[in-house]
Amino acid sequence: MLPWIQTANSFVNNLVWGLPTMVCIIGVGLLPGTVVKLIKEYQDNP
C-alpha cells in the first residue's frame, strides 16, 4: 500500500509543481507589469 501512495504522491507533486506552476509564477510577474506599462502608455498619449 505504501509504494502505491508514494507513486500517487509523486505523480500529484509533478503535476502541481511542474510546468503549470512555473507558468503561473512567471505570469503573475509579467501580467501586472504589462498592464501598468499599457496604462502608462495610454495616459501619456490620450
C-alpha atoms as a PDB file:
ATOM      1  CA  MET A   1       0.000   0.000   0.000  1.00  0.00           C
ATOM      2  CA  LEU A   2       2.816   2.443   0.844  1.00  0.00           C
ATOM      3  CA  PRO A   3       4.539   2.185  -2.573  1.00  0.00           C
ATOM      4  CA  TRP A   4       1.236   2.980  -4.285  1.00  0.00           C
ATOM      5  CA  ILE A   5       0.755   6.048  -2.065  1.00  0.00           C
ATOM      6  CA  GLN A   6       4.305   7.201  -2.806  1.00  0.00           C
ATOM      7  CA  THR A   7       3.734   6.764  -6.542  1.00  0.00           C
ATOM      8  CA  ALA A   8       0.457   8.681  -6.403  1.00  0.00           C
ATOM      9  CA  ASN A   9       2.071  11.431  -4.318  1.00  0.00           C
ATOM     10  CA  SER A  10       4.946  11.717  -6.752  1.00  0.00           C
ATOM     11  CA  PHE A  11       2.532  11.985  -9.693  1.00  0.00           C
ATOM     12  CA  VAL A  12       0.478  14.697  -7.980  1.00  0.00           C
ATOM     13  CA  ASN A  13       3.615  16.618  -6.977  1.00  0.00           C
ATOM     14  CA  ASN A  14       4.941  16.549 -10.533  1.00  0.00           C
ATOM     15  CA  LEU A  15       1.573  17.664 -11.854  1.00  0.00           C
ATOM     16  CA  VAL A  16       1.159  20.506  -9.360  1.00  0.00           C
ATOM     17  CA  TRP A  17       4.749  21.726  -9.151  1.00  0.00           C
ATOM     18  CA  GLY A  18       5.707  21.231 -12.774  1.00  0.00           C
ATOM     19  CA  LEU A  19       5.174  23.435 -15.793  1.00  0.00           C
ATOM     20  CA  PRO A  20       1.771  24.882 -14.736  1.00  0.00           C
ATOM     21  CA  THR A  21       3.284  26.296 -11.565  1.00  0.00           C
ATOM     22  CA  MET A  22       6.187  27.875 -13.414  1.00  0.00           C
ATOM     23  CA  VAL A  23       3.782  29.418 -15.932  1.00  0.00           C
ATOM     24  CA  CYS A  24       1.647  30.832 -13.104  1.00  0.00           C
ATOM     25  CA  ILE A  25       4.633  32.245 -11.223  1.00  0.00           C
ATOM     26  CA  ILE A  26       6.075  33.889 -14.331  1.00  0.00           C
ATOM     27  CA  GLY A  27       2.626  35.064 -15.485  1.00  0.00           C
ATOM     28  CA  VAL A  28       1.882  36.698 -12.150  1.00  0.00           C
ATOM     29  CA  GLY A  29       5.045  38.735 -12.588  1.00  0.00           C
ATOM     30  CA  LEU A  30       4.607  39.613 -16.247  1.00  0.00           C
ATOM     31  CA  LEU A  31       0.897  40.396 -16.374  1.00  0.00           C
ATOM     32  CA  PRO A  32       0.822  43.272 -13.857  1.00  0.00           C
ATOM     33  CA  GLY A  33       3.963  44.771 -15.356  1.00  0.00           C
ATOM     34  CA  THR A  34       2.447  44.693 -18.816  1.00  0.00           C
ATOM     35  CA  VAL A  35      -0.828  46.174 -17.606  1.00  0.00           C
ATOM     36  CA  VAL A  36       0.966  49.003 -15.821  1.00  0.00           C
ATOM     37  CA  LYS A  37       3.013  49.778 -18.932  1.00  0.00           C
ATOM     38  CA  LEU A  38      -0.119  49.815 -21.096  1.00  0.00           C
ATOM     39  CA  ILE A  39      -1.942  52.106 -18.664  1.00  0.00           C
ATOM     40  CA  LYS A  40       1.040  54.458 -18.548  1.00  0.00           C
ATOM     41  CA  GLU A  41       1.287  54.499 -22.339  1.00  0.00           C
ATOM     42  CA  TYR A  42      -2.431  55.214 -22.665  1.00  0.00           C
ATOM     43  CA  GLN A  43      -2.275  58.071 -20.142  1.00  0.00           C
ATOM     44  CA  ASP A  44       0.743  59.643 -21.823  1.00  0.00           C
ATOM     45  CA  ASN A  45      -0.927  59.657 -25.267  1.00  0.00           C
ATOM     46  CA  PRO A  46      -4.655  60.368 -24.913  1.00  0.00           C
END
